[in-house]
Amino acid sequence: MNNEITIREAVKSDIPVLLQHEQEVVKAERPMDPTIRSSGVNYYDLDALMENPRAIVMVACDGDKIVATGYALEKPARPYLDHKTFAYLGFMYTDPEYRGKGINGKIVSALQDWCTNAGLIEIRLHVYDENDPAIRAYEKKGFKRHMIEMRLRTEL
């Protein structure tokens, strides 16, 4: 591992590696969510995110190797909230070999900077309730637990 992790905006030529990382996210989340299909799952439209002026995809690199990812996307807020739009963070992934080294925090900081520059004062993300390492990482960056989503699968 290189001593210097760099953070940069993703470019189209990164997409093949990003697609591999996306599948790692799906694989990691499948045990926490029994409703994720067993195959053919894609979460993100990376082309659209990269082309959207109100979104950014960031990567952390160890030399030329992409070791972490994340994006911010401006979304409309519910009409009763005190903000019209907010930034949604997603695709938060760090290569297992690089976890615990503060790299996710660097990605989040870069995304926060983009949000500030884009005039977005509210930042939200989703994390599975049982994903304690991710929750701790986000809490270190100042995120607070906000709402619990509940589900029920009925018999047909």
C-alpha atoms as a PDB file:
ATOM      1  CA  MET A   1       0.000   0.000   0.000  1.00  0.00           C
ATOM      2  CA  ASN A   2       1.163   3.467  -0.961  1.00  0.00           C
ATOM      3  CA  ASN A   3       1.527   5.939   1.906  1.00  0.00           C
ATOM      4  CA  GLU A   4      -0.521   8.580   0.116  1.00  0.00           C
ATOM      5  CA  ILE A   5      -4.173   7.957  -0.682  1.00  0.00           C
ATOM      6  CA  THR A   6      -5.497  10.509  -3.153  1.00  0.00           C
ATOM      7  CA  ILE A   7      -9.120  11.512  -3.605  1.00  0.00           C
ATOM      8  CA  ARG A   8     -10.378  12.560  -7.020  1.00  0.00           C
ATOM      9  CA  GLU A   9     -13.510  12.801  -9.090  1.00  0.00           C
ATOM     10  CA  ALA A  10     -14.236   9.599 -10.992  1.00  0.00           C
ATOM     11  CA  VAL A  11     -13.942   9.608 -14.784  1.00  0.00           C
ATOM     12  CA  LYS A  12     -15.636   7.439 -17.402  1.00  0.00           C
ATOM     13  CA  SER A  13     -12.556   5.225 -17.788  1.00  0.00           C
ATOM     14  CA  ASP A  14     -13.003   4.238 -14.095  1.00  0.00           C
ATOM     15  CA  ILE A  15     -16.389   2.623 -14.785  1.00  0.00           C
ATOM     16  CA  PRO A  16     -15.157  -0.998 -15.235  1.00  0.00           C
ATOM     17  CA  VAL A  17     -13.524  -0.907 -11.768  1.00  0.00           C
ATOM     18  CA  LEU A  18     -16.504   0.929 -10.291  1.00  0.00           C
ATOM     19  CA  LEU A  19     -18.841  -1.774 -11.601  1.00  0.00           C
ATOM     20  CA  GLN A  20     -16.704  -4.382  -9.826  1.00  0.00           C
ATOM     21  CA  HIS A  21     -16.921  -2.362  -6.601  1.00  0.00           C
ATOM     22  CA  GLU A  22     -20.687  -2.062  -7.054  1.00  0.00           C
ATOM     23  CA  GLN A  23     -20.952  -5.857  -7.087  1.00  0.00           C
ATOM     24  CA  GLU A  24     -18.914  -5.983  -3.876  1.00  0.00           C
ATOM     25  CA  VAL A  25     -21.439  -3.605  -2.289  1.00  0.00           C
ATOM     26  CA  VAL A  26     -24.303  -5.855  -3.412  1.00  0.00           C
ATOM     27  CA  LYS A  27     -22.475  -8.927  -2.088  1.00  0.00           C
ATOM     28  CA  ALA A  28     -21.858  -7.247   1.287  1.00  0.00           C
ATOM     29  CA  GLU A  29     -25.460  -6.080   1.623  1.00  0.00           C
ATOM     30  CA  ARG A  30     -27.172  -9.299   0.546  1.00  0.00           C
ATOM     31  CA  PRO A  31     -26.818 -10.969   4.009  1.00  0.00           C
ATOM     32  CA  MET A  32     -28.380  -7.856   5.597  1.00  0.00           C
ATOM     33  CA  ASP A  33     -31.288  -7.670   3.141  1.00  0.00           C
ATOM     34  CA  PRO A  34     -33.094 -10.871   2.174  1.00  0.00           C
ATOM     35  CA  THR A  35     -35.075  -8.975  -0.498  1.00  0.00           C
ATOM     36  CA  ILE A  36     -32.067  -8.353  -2.772  1.00  0.00           C
ATOM     37  CA  ARG A  37     -32.337 -10.595  -5.848  1.00  0.00           C
ATOM     38  CA  SER A  38     -29.762 -13.373  -6.114  1.00  0.00           C
ATOM     39  CA  SER A  39     -28.378 -12.167  -9.469  1.00  0.00           C
ATOM     40  CA  GLY A  40     -28.539  -9.368 -12.017  1.00  0.00           C
ATOM     41  CA  VAL A  41     -28.410  -6.553  -9.472  1.00  0.00           C
ATOM     42  CA  ASN A  42     -27.135  -3.080 -10.280  1.00  0.00           C
ATOM     43  CA  TYR A  43     -27.681  -0.234  -7.836  1.00  0.00           C
ATOM     44  CA  TYR A  44     -26.226   2.735  -9.685  1.00  0.00           C
ATOM     45  CA  ASP A  45     -26.390   4.399 -13.089  1.00  0.00           C
ATOM     46  CA  LEU A  46     -22.783   5.541 -13.041  1.00  0.00           C
ATOM     47  CA  ASP A  47     -22.929   7.197 -16.478  1.00  0.00           C
ATOM     48  CA  ALA A  48     -25.904   9.311 -15.419  1.00  0.00           C
ATOM     49  CA  LEU A  49     -24.287  10.239 -12.100  1.00  0.00           C
ATOM     50  CA  MET A  50     -21.080  11.323 -13.841  1.00  0.00           C
ATOM     51  CA  GLU A  51     -22.995  13.393 -16.386  1.00  0.00           C
ATOM     52  CA  ASN A  52     -25.288  15.052 -13.813  1.00  0.00           C
ATOM     53  CA  PRO A  53     -24.047  18.538 -12.828  1.00  0.00           C
ATOM     54  CA  ARG A  54     -25.850  18.106  -9.485  1.00  0.00           C
ATOM     55  CA  ALA A  55     -23.956  14.918  -8.625  1.00  0.00           C
ATOM     56  CA  ILE A  56     -20.382  13.796  -8.175  1.00  0.00           C
ATOM     57  CA  VAL A  57     -18.708  10.397  -7.963  1.00  0.00           C
ATOM     58  CA  MET A  58     -15.466  10.357  -5.969  1.00  0.00           C
ATOM     59  CA  VAL A  59     -12.773   7.703  -5.735  1.00  0.00           C
ATOM     60  CA  ALA A  60      -9.857   7.145  -3.390  1.00  0.00           C
ATOM     61  CA  CYS A  61      -6.717   5.849  -5.057  1.00  0.00           C
ATOM     62  CA  ASP A  62      -3.613   4.117  -3.828  1.00  0.00           C
ATOM     63  CA  GLY A  63      -1.383   4.995  -6.765  1.00  0.00           C
ATOM     64  CA  ASP A  64      -3.473   3.984  -9.784  1.00  0.00           C
ATOM     65  CA  LYS A  65      -5.622   1.514  -7.825  1.00  0.00           C
ATOM     66  CA  ILE A  66      -9.156   2.633  -6.902  1.00  0.00           C
ATOM     67  CA  VAL A  67      -9.666   1.525  -3.297  1.00  0.00           C
ATOM     68  CA  ALA A  68     -12.818   3.389  -2.235  1.00  0.00           C
ATOM     69  CA  THR A  69     -15.832   5.071  -3.782  1.00  0.00           C
ATOM     70  CA  GLY A  70     -18.742   7.317  -2.954  1.00  0.00           C
ATOM     71  CA  TYR A  71     -21.154   9.687  -4.601  1.00  0.00           C
ATOM     72  CA  ALA A  72     -23.301  12.671  -3.690  1.00  0.00           C
ATOM     73  CA  LEU A  73     -26.515  13.419  -5.560  1.00  0.00           C
ATOM     74  CA  GLU A  74     -28.835  16.365  -5.073  1.00  0.00           C
ATOM     75  CA  LYS A  75     -32.416  15.185  -4.486  1.00  0.00           C
ATOM     76  CA  PRO A  76     -35.657  17.043  -3.816  1.00  0.00           C
ATOM     77  CA  ALA A  77     -36.689  17.161  -0.166  1.00  0.00           C
ATOM     78  CA  ARG A  78     -40.186  16.505   1.096  1.00  0.00           C
ATOM     79  CA  PRO A  79     -42.197  19.730   0.834  1.00  0.00           C
ATOM     80  CA  TYR A  80     -42.700  20.092   4.603  1.00  0.00           C
ATOM     81  CA  LEU A  81     -38.977  20.133   5.454  1.00  0.00           C
ATOM     82  CA  ASP A  82     -36.915  23.266   6.047  1.00  0.00           C
ATOM     83  CA  HIS A  83     -34.750  22.623   2.963  1.00  0.00           C
ATOM     84  CA  LYS A  84     -35.845  22.275  -0.675  1.00  0.00           C
ATOM     85  CA  THR A  85     -33.125  19.822  -1.688  1.00  0.00           C
ATOM     86  CA  PHE A  86     -30.535  17.665   0.027  1.00  0.00           C
ATOM     87  CA  ALA A  87     -27.464  15.660  -0.853  1.00  0.00           C
ATOM     88  CA  TYR A  88     -27.833  11.905  -0.785  1.00  0.00           C
ATOM     89  CA  LEU A  89     -24.615   9.918  -0.327  1.00  0.00           C
ATOM     90  CA  GLY A  90     -24.349   6.466  -1.838  1.00  0.00           C
ATOM     91  CA  PHE A  91     -21.930   3.884  -3.251  1.00  0.00           C
ATOM     92  CA  MET A  92     -19.891   4.129  -0.073  1.00  0.00           C
ATOM     93  CA  TYR A  93     -17.417   1.285  -0.526  1.00  0.00           C
ATOM     94  CA  THR A  94     -13.872   0.647   0.663  1.00  0.00           C
ATOM     95  CA  ASP A  95     -11.763  -2.313  -0.444  1.00  0.00           C
ATOM     96  CA  PRO A  96     -11.494  -4.673   2.577  1.00  0.00           C
ATOM     97  CA  GLU A  97      -7.684  -4.430   2.510  1.00  0.00           C
ATOM     98  CA  TYR A  98      -7.966  -0.653   3.070  1.00  0.00           C
ATOM     99  CA  ARG A  99     -10.666  -0.525   5.745  1.00  0.00           C
ATOM    100  CA  GLY A 100      -9.946   1.017   9.121  1.00  0.00           C
ATOM    101  CA  LYS A 101      -7.476   3.527   7.680  1.00  0.00           C
ATOM    102  CA  GLY A 102      -9.772   6.569   7.484  1.00  0.00           C
ATOM    103  CA  ILE A 103     -10.219   6.379   3.721  1.00  0.00           C
ATOM    104  CA  ASN A 104     -14.026   6.399   3.874  1.00  0.00           C
ATOM    105  CA  GLY A 105     -13.717   9.521   6.024  1.00  0.00           C
ATOM    106  CA  LYS A 106     -11.638  11.187   3.312  1.00  0.00           C
ATOM    107  CA  ILE A 107     -14.266  10.318   0.698  1.00  0.00           C
ATOM    108  CA  VAL A 108     -17.031  11.672   2.960  1.00  0.00           C
ATOM    109  CA  SER A 109     -15.037  14.883   3.546  1.00  0.00           C
ATOM    110  CA  ALA A 110     -14.572  15.371  -0.204  1.00  0.00           C
ATOM    111  CA  LEU A 111     -18.294  14.793  -0.743  1.00  0.00           C
ATOM    112  CA  GLN A 112     -19.120  17.231   2.070  1.00  0.00           C
ATOM    113  CA  ASP A 113     -16.918  19.855   0.393  1.00  0.00           C
ATOM    114  CA  TRP A 114     -18.751  19.313  -2.895  1.00  0.00           C
ATOM    115  CA  CYS A 115     -22.095  19.631  -1.075  1.00  0.00           C
ATOM    116  CA  THR A 116     -21.033  22.894   0.568  1.00  0.00           C
ATOM    117  CA  ASN A 117     -19.868  24.300  -2.766  1.00  0.00           C
ATOM    118  CA  ALA A 118     -23.170  23.176  -4.346  1.00  0.00           C
ATOM    119  CA  GLY A 119     -25.136  25.005  -1.636  1.00  0.00           C
ATOM    120  CA  LEU A 120     -26.528  21.824  -0.093  1.00  0.00           C
ATOM    121  CA  ILE A 121     -26.893  22.127   3.684  1.00  0.00           C
ATOM    122  CA  GLU A 122     -28.556  18.773   4.401  1.00  0.00           C
ATOM    123  CA  ILE A 123     -26.724  15.497   3.761  1.00  0.00           C
ATOM    124  CA  ARG A 124     -28.340  12.086   4.188  1.00  0.00           C
ATOM    125  CA  LEU A 125     -27.474   8.463   3.566  1.00  0.00           C
ATOM    126  CA  HIS A 126     -28.855   5.010   4.266  1.00  0.00           C
ATOM    127  CA  VAL A 127     -27.017   2.308   6.167  1.00  0.00           C
ATOM    128  CA  TYR A 128     -28.228  -1.091   7.305  1.00  0.00           C
ATOM    129  CA  ASP A 129     -29.004  -1.200  11.018  1.00  0.00           C
ATOM    130  CA  GLU A 130     -26.684  -4.188  11.543  1.00  0.00           C
ATOM    131  CA  ASN A 131     -23.751  -2.584   9.694  1.00  0.00           C
ATOM    132  CA  ASP A 132     -22.055  -1.362  12.870  1.00  0.00           C
ATOM    133  CA  PRO A 133     -18.656  -0.530  11.299  1.00  0.00           C
ATOM    134  CA  ALA A 134     -20.312   1.766   8.727  1.00  0.00           C
ATOM    135  CA  ILE A 135     -22.523   3.384  11.358  1.00  0.00           C
ATOM    136  CA  ARG A 136     -19.472   4.117  13.533  1.00  0.00           C
ATOM    137  CA  ALA A 137     -17.605   5.568  10.544  1.00  0.00           C
ATOM    138  CA  TYR A 138     -20.495   7.900   9.672  1.00  0.00           C
ATOM    139  CA  GLU A 139     -20.963   8.937  13.294  1.00  0.00           C
ATOM    140  CA  LYS A 140     -17.262   9.904  13.396  1.00  0.00           C
ATOM    141  CA  LYS A 141     -18.021  12.278  10.512  1.00  0.00           C
ATOM    142  CA  GLY A 142     -20.901  13.853  12.433  1.00  0.00           C
ATOM    143  CA  PHE A 143     -23.878  11.920  11.071  1.00  0.00           C
ATOM    144  CA  LYS A 144     -26.679  11.156  13.516  1.00  0.00           C
ATOM    145  CA  ARG A 145     -29.092   8.238  13.504  1.00  0.00           C
ATOM    146  CA  HIS A 146     -32.344   9.628  12.222  1.00  0.00           C
ATOM    147  CA  MET A 147     -35.008   7.111  11.265  1.00  0.00           C
ATOM    148  CA  ILE A 148     -35.509   3.379  11.200  1.00  0.00           C
ATOM    149  CA  GLU A 149     -37.166   1.807   8.177  1.00  0.00           C
ATOM    150  CA  MET A 150     -39.233  -1.242   9.013  1.00  0.00           C
ATOM    151  CA  ARG A 151     -40.486  -3.981   6.722  1.00  0.00           C
ATOM    152  CA  LEU A 152     -42.858  -6.923   6.798  1.00  0.00           C
ATOM    153  CA  ARG A 153     -43.083  -9.755   4.270  1.00  0.00           C
ATOM    154  CA  THR A 154     -46.615 -11.184   4.127  1.00  0.00           C
ATOM    155  CA  GLU A 155     -47.632 -14.637   3.011  1.00  0.00           C
ATOM    156  CA  LEU A 156     -49.526 -14.918  -0.290  1.00  0.00           C
END
